[in-house]
């Protein structure tokens, strides 16, 4: 079965201290985190890569990764396509609120790829390293016959996803005894503590599941996502026109509470790492160096 990997790479990277954090080299031969995600996805069997970017970073993106990955993927029979997230791509009959500069969020980002996705697909962040196991499990799930509203999510353990340099945002998950997601709550400012983790002073279970925005979805989800975006503009934007965001985990959580979808949690023990803060980069560089020393990856990555 054909499967696509949708990579959300349009983030502003404001916490990174300026610049485009998704394009920071972390591998010994100049590889960026996306290189490793694409490598692992293609190895797992995904045969289409869809980058979601912004027009204003297109030139840098093509120079750092796009042209190079396009050639690598062509040699492996993998298609590469681009979608562009834009502030002005909103439901008909609406206008961007005057003074709004904040992007509309991950839900709108994925929706930007609607015309390019007609197969089961996975969604990931550009600046997160997920590990090989998660891509294999998602691909296996997506290749099985299933209902159009049966999705999956890579379930990471919270303690494996924290930064030593500040708070992070994670989708805290509730999972039933059968391994299905019952709710996901976008939780900000999660930090390490001597006894585990907390968010704004409230203790959070470090052994609990979190979403790292790694979802396995069906093509029909795009229609549902589009309808949700229209409802978001009708209900949420008038309440907070400058900051309201259409976030993928929050919307999927809403669909779960309404009983409209099922989401199987595919547990992975891999340790996440990413460049949320500039101080994270040396840790990420060292982590990839160790993975290479352990034989997990080659250097250069694609030979």
Protein backbone atom coordinates (compact mmCIF):
# COMPACT_ATOMS: atom_id res chain seq x y z
CA UNK A 1 0.00 0.00 0.00
CA UNK A 2 1.21 3.49 -0.80
CA UNK A 3 1.96 5.62 2.25
CA UNK A 4 3.09 9.22 2.68
CA UNK A 5 5.07 11.06 5.32
CA UNK A 6 3.92 14.64 5.94
CA UNK A 7 6.60 16.77 7.63
CA UNK A 8 5.54 20.00 9.32
CA UNK A 9 8.49 22.33 8.71
CA UNK A 10 6.86 25.75 8.73
CA UNK A 11 7.55 26.63 12.38
CA UNK A 12 9.02 30.02 13.19
CA UNK A 13 11.50 28.69 15.75
CA UNK A 14 11.14 31.67 18.06
CA UNK A 15 12.42 29.75 21.10
CA UNK A 16 15.53 28.82 19.17
CA UNK A 17 16.82 32.38 19.45
CA UNK A 18 16.26 33.35 15.83
CA UNK A 19 17.01 31.57 12.58
CA UNK A 20 15.34 28.47 11.19
CA UNK A 21 15.91 25.75 13.77
CA UNK A 22 14.73 22.97 11.46
CA UNK A 23 17.76 23.61 9.24
CA UNK A 24 20.46 23.42 11.93
CA UNK A 25 23.10 20.75 11.14
CA UNK A 26 23.38 18.09 13.86
CA UNK A 27 25.04 15.14 12.07
CA UNK A 28 28.78 14.75 11.47
CA UNK A 29 28.39 15.34 7.73
CA UNK A 30 26.01 18.27 7.99
CA UNK A 31 22.82 16.22 8.36
CA UNK A 32 19.81 17.89 9.97
CA UNK A 33 17.17 16.12 12.07
CA UNK A 34 14.84 15.84 9.07
CA UNK A 35 17.48 13.82 7.24
CA UNK A 36 17.27 11.13 9.90
CA UNK A 37 13.47 11.14 9.94
CA UNK A 38 13.32 10.79 6.15
CA UNK A 39 15.96 8.06 6.22
CA UNK A 40 13.99 6.09 8.83
CA UNK A 41 10.67 6.61 7.06
CA UNK A 42 11.97 5.45 3.66
CA UNK A 43 13.66 2.49 5.34
CA UNK A 44 10.32 1.61 6.99
CA UNK A 45 8.54 1.69 3.61
CA UNK A 46 7.04 5.16 3.14
CA UNK A 47 7.16 6.11 -0.54
CA UNK A 48 6.15 9.77 -0.57
CA UNK A 49 7.49 12.74 1.39
CA UNK A 50 5.41 15.91 1.67
CA UNK A 51 7.14 18.94 3.16
CA UNK A 52 4.95 21.67 4.62
CA UNK A 53 6.91 24.93 4.60
CA UNK A 54 6.38 28.66 4.20
CA UNK A 55 7.16 30.62 1.07
CA UNK A 56 9.59 32.87 2.94
CA UNK A 57 11.86 29.93 3.89
CA UNK A 58 11.56 28.12 0.58
CA UNK A 59 14.97 29.22 -0.78
CA UNK A 60 16.84 28.26 2.40
CA UNK A 61 14.90 25.03 2.65
CA UNK A 62 15.71 23.96 -0.90
CA UNK A 63 19.37 24.85 -0.45
CA UNK A 64 19.82 23.00 2.84
CA UNK A 65 17.67 19.92 2.30
CA UNK A 66 15.06 20.08 -0.45
CA UNK A 67 17.22 19.70 -3.55
CA UNK A 68 19.45 17.12 -1.92
CA UNK A 69 16.61 14.99 -0.53
CA UNK A 70 14.80 15.22 -3.84
CA UNK A 71 17.75 13.55 -5.61
CA UNK A 72 18.18 10.92 -2.89
CA UNK A 73 14.49 10.04 -2.90
CA UNK A 74 14.32 9.91 -6.70
CA UNK A 75 17.02 7.25 -6.64
CA UNK A 76 14.91 5.20 -4.23
CA UNK A 77 11.58 5.55 -6.01
CA UNK A 78 10.22 7.94 -3.39
CA UNK A 79 8.17 10.96 -4.47
CA UNK A 80 8.78 14.41 -2.93
CA UNK A 81 6.18 17.17 -2.88
CA UNK A 82 5.73 20.59 -1.23
CA UNK A 83 2.79 22.28 0.44
CA UNK A 84 2.83 25.85 1.71
CA UNK A 85 1.25 27.01 4.95
CA UNK A 86 -0.08 30.54 4.66
CA UNK A 87 -1.86 32.91 7.01
CA UNK A 88 -4.34 33.75 4.27
CA UNK A 89 -5.42 30.14 3.55
CA UNK A 90 -8.57 30.26 5.66
CA UNK A 91 -12.21 29.19 5.17
CA UNK A 92 -14.14 31.12 2.54
CA UNK A 93 -16.07 34.09 3.82
CA UNK A 94 -13.55 34.88 6.57
CA UNK A 95 -10.78 37.44 6.83
CA UNK A 96 -7.47 37.37 8.71
CA UNK A 97 -8.01 39.50 11.84
CA UNK A 98 -6.25 42.85 11.58
CA UNK A 99 -2.91 42.68 13.38
CA UNK A 100 -2.76 38.87 13.44
CA UNK A 101 0.79 37.56 12.87
CA UNK A 102 0.67 34.20 14.67
CA UNK A 103 0.31 31.14 12.37
CA UNK A 104 -2.94 29.19 12.63
CA UNK A 105 -1.33 26.05 14.06
CA UNK A 106 -0.52 22.44 13.21
CA UNK A 107 -4.07 21.58 12.15
CA UNK A 108 -3.97 24.20 9.41
CA UNK A 109 -0.43 23.12 8.49
CA UNK A 110 -1.55 19.56 7.77
CA UNK A 111 -4.60 20.84 5.91
CA UNK A 112 -2.24 22.66 3.53
CA UNK A 113 -1.21 19.23 2.19
CA UNK A 114 -4.77 18.11 1.43
CA UNK A 115 -4.37 18.16 -2.35
CA UNK A 116 -1.15 16.13 -2.13
CA UNK A 117 -2.31 13.27 0.10
CA UNK A 118 -4.63 10.53 -1.18
CA UNK A 119 -3.15 7.56 0.70
CA UNK A 120 -2.72 6.67 4.39
CA UNK A 121 -0.15 9.06 5.83
CA UNK A 122 1.94 9.86 8.87
CA UNK A 123 2.50 13.35 10.28
CA UNK A 124 5.64 14.44 12.12
CA UNK A 125 7.37 17.60 13.30
CA UNK A 126 10.46 18.64 11.36
CA UNK A 127 12.58 19.34 14.43
CA UNK A 128 11.93 16.16 16.43
CA UNK A 129 13.93 12.93 16.29
CA UNK A 130 11.57 9.99 16.76
CA UNK A 131 13.75 6.89 16.28
CA UNK A 132 13.39 3.95 13.90
CA UNK A 133 10.86 1.94 15.91
CA UNK A 134 8.06 4.48 15.63
CA UNK A 135 8.27 4.73 11.83
CA UNK A 136 8.15 0.95 11.46
CA UNK A 137 5.10 0.66 13.73
CA UNK A 138 3.22 3.49 12.03
CA UNK A 139 3.93 2.11 8.58
CA UNK A 140 2.74 -1.36 9.57
CA UNK A 141 -0.47 0.12 10.99
CA UNK A 142 -1.16 2.24 7.91
CA UNK A 143 -0.64 -0.73 5.58
CA UNK A 144 -3.35 -2.75 7.33
CA UNK A 145 -6.92 -2.49 6.12
CA UNK A 146 -8.91 -0.38 8.53
CA UNK A 147 -11.87 1.93 8.94
CA UNK A 148 -11.50 5.40 7.47
CA UNK A 149 -11.70 6.88 10.99
CA UNK A 150 -9.22 4.44 12.60
CA UNK A 151 -5.96 6.26 13.32
CA UNK A 152 -2.83 5.65 15.35
CA UNK A 153 -0.29 7.63 17.32
CA UNK A 154 3.28 6.96 18.38
CA UNK A 155 3.17 6.95 22.17
CA UNK A 156 6.36 8.23 23.76
CA UNK A 157 7.11 8.07 27.47
CA UNK A 158 7.16 11.61 28.90
CA UNK A 159 10.52 11.24 30.67
CA UNK A 160 12.10 10.35 27.32
CA UNK A 161 10.94 13.60 25.72
CA UNK A 162 12.01 16.37 28.10
CA UNK A 163 14.63 19.05 27.54
CA UNK A 164 17.35 19.88 30.06
CA UNK A 165 17.17 23.53 29.01
CA UNK A 166 13.60 24.61 29.67
CA UNK A 167 9.92 23.82 29.43
CA UNK A 168 8.35 21.95 26.53
CA UNK A 169 4.83 21.45 25.21
CA UNK A 170 3.51 17.90 25.03
CA UNK A 171 0.17 16.26 24.40
CA UNK A 172 -0.49 14.42 27.67
CA UNK A 173 -2.40 11.25 26.80
CA UNK A 174 -5.01 9.12 28.51
CA UNK A 175 -4.90 5.52 27.28
CA UNK A 176 -7.39 2.74 28.05
CA UNK A 177 -6.55 -0.86 28.94
CA UNK A 178 -6.80 -1.90 25.29
CA UNK A 179 -4.16 0.60 24.23
CA UNK A 180 -6.47 3.17 22.66
CA UNK A 181 -6.26 6.90 23.21
CA UNK A 182 -9.20 8.33 25.15
CA UNK A 183 -8.01 11.93 25.46
CA UNK A 184 -5.03 14.13 24.71
CA UNK A 185 -4.44 17.44 26.48
CA UNK A 186 -1.95 19.93 25.05
CA UNK A 187 0.16 20.83 28.10
CA UNK A 188 2.69 23.66 28.09
CA UNK A 189 5.74 24.44 30.24
CA UNK A 190 6.55 20.84 31.22
CA UNK A 191 9.93 20.77 32.99
CA UNK A 192 12.14 18.17 34.61
CA UNK A 193 12.17 18.05 38.40
CA UNK A 194 14.28 16.03 40.86
CA UNK A 195 11.33 13.63 41.27
CA UNK A 196 10.00 13.58 37.72
CA UNK A 197 8.18 16.37 35.89
CA UNK A 198 5.71 19.17 36.41
CA UNK A 199 3.79 21.77 34.42
CA UNK A 200 3.20 25.16 36.03
CA UNK A 201 3.71 23.62 39.46
CA UNK A 202 1.41 20.64 38.87
CA UNK A 203 3.03 17.18 39.00
CA UNK A 204 2.93 15.23 35.73
CA UNK A 205 3.51 11.46 35.52
CA UNK A 206 6.97 10.99 33.93
CA UNK A 207 6.03 7.42 32.93
CA UNK A 208 2.84 8.49 31.16
CA UNK A 209 2.28 8.57 27.42
CA UNK A 210 2.67 11.77 25.46
CA UNK A 211 2.02 12.70 21.87
CA UNK A 212 4.95 14.12 19.93
CA UNK A 213 2.72 14.99 16.96
CA UNK A 214 3.52 11.69 15.28
CA UNK A 215 0.19 10.49 13.93
CA UNK A 216 -0.93 7.82 11.50
CA UNK A 217 -4.01 9.01 9.59
CA UNK A 218 -6.26 8.08 6.67
CA UNK A 219 -6.81 10.31 3.62
CA UNK A 220 -10.45 10.85 4.63
CA UNK A 221 -9.15 12.71 7.70
CA UNK A 222 -8.42 15.73 5.51
CA UNK A 223 -12.15 16.33 4.95
CA UNK A 224 -12.76 16.08 8.69
CA UNK A 225 -9.85 18.42 9.38
CA UNK A 226 -11.20 20.96 6.89
CA UNK A 227 -14.64 20.92 8.52
CA UNK A 228 -12.99 21.40 11.89
CA UNK A 229 -11.08 24.41 10.60
CA UNK A 230 -14.32 26.01 9.50
CA UNK A 231 -15.78 25.42 12.97
CA UNK A 232 -12.60 26.84 14.52
CA UNK A 233 -13.08 30.09 12.61
CA UNK A 234 -16.71 30.22 13.59
CA UNK A 235 -16.24 29.47 17.31
CA UNK A 236 -12.65 30.06 18.46
CA UNK A 237 -11.27 32.91 16.37
CA UNK A 238 -13.90 35.48 17.43
CA UNK A 239 -13.03 34.70 21.06
CA UNK A 240 -9.28 35.20 20.61
CA UNK A 241 -8.52 36.64 17.17
CA UNK A 242 -4.82 37.26 17.83
CA UNK A 243 -3.79 33.95 19.43
CA UNK A 244 -6.36 31.21 18.74
CA UNK A 245 -4.62 28.15 17.23
CA UNK A 246 -6.00 25.14 15.39
CA UNK A 247 -3.80 22.45 16.93
CA UNK A 248 -3.80 18.88 15.67
CA UNK A 249 -3.70 17.14 19.10
CA UNK A 250 -6.49 19.33 20.47
CA UNK A 251 -8.71 18.66 17.47
CA UNK A 252 -8.08 14.91 17.55
CA UNK A 253 -8.86 14.99 21.27
CA UNK A 254 -12.17 16.66 20.44
CA UNK A 255 -12.96 13.97 17.86
CA UNK A 256 -12.21 11.29 20.46
CA UNK A 257 -14.52 12.84 23.03
CA UNK A 258 -17.26 12.98 20.40
CA UNK A 259 -16.71 9.29 19.59
CA UNK A 260 -16.00 10.01 15.94
CA UNK A 261 -12.57 8.35 15.67
CA UNK A 262 -10.37 5.72 17.27
CA UNK A 263 -6.64 6.18 17.88
CA UNK A 264 -4.45 3.20 18.72
CA UNK A 265 -1.37 4.12 20.76
CA UNK A 266 1.77 2.43 19.42
CA UNK A 267 4.24 2.44 22.28
CA UNK A 268 7.86 3.27 21.58
CA UNK A 269 10.72 3.22 24.05
CA UNK A 270 12.97 5.31 21.80
CA UNK A 271 14.33 8.47 23.37
CA UNK A 272 13.17 11.66 21.71
CA UNK A 273 15.50 14.54 21.18
CA UNK A 274 15.14 17.80 19.37
CA UNK A 275 16.33 21.38 19.18
CA UNK A 276 13.75 23.34 21.13
CA UNK A 277 16.37 25.70 22.59
CA UNK A 278 19.77 26.64 21.18
CA UNK A 279 21.35 25.00 24.22
CA UNK A 280 19.84 21.68 23.11
CA UNK A 281 22.00 21.45 20.01
CA UNK A 282 25.21 20.06 21.61
CA UNK A 283 23.16 17.30 23.26
CA UNK A 284 21.54 16.41 19.95
CA UNK A 285 24.91 16.39 18.18
CA UNK A 286 26.34 14.06 20.85
CA UNK A 287 23.26 11.81 20.63
CA UNK A 288 23.66 11.31 16.89
CA UNK A 289 27.38 10.73 17.32
CA UNK A 290 26.59 7.91 19.77
CA UNK A 291 23.95 6.40 17.46
CA UNK A 292 26.53 6.34 14.66
CA UNK A 293 29.15 4.77 16.96
CA UNK A 294 26.59 2.10 17.91
CA UNK A 295 25.99 1.28 14.26
CA UNK A 296 22.43 2.63 14.08
CA UNK A 297 23.32 5.07 11.29
CA UNK A 298 26.06 5.50 8.72
CA UNK A 299 28.09 8.66 8.28
CA UNK A 300 27.39 10.14 5.83
CA UNK A 301 23.80 9.07 6.43
CA UNK A 302 22.80 8.25 2.85
CA UNK A 303 26.19 6.97 1.73
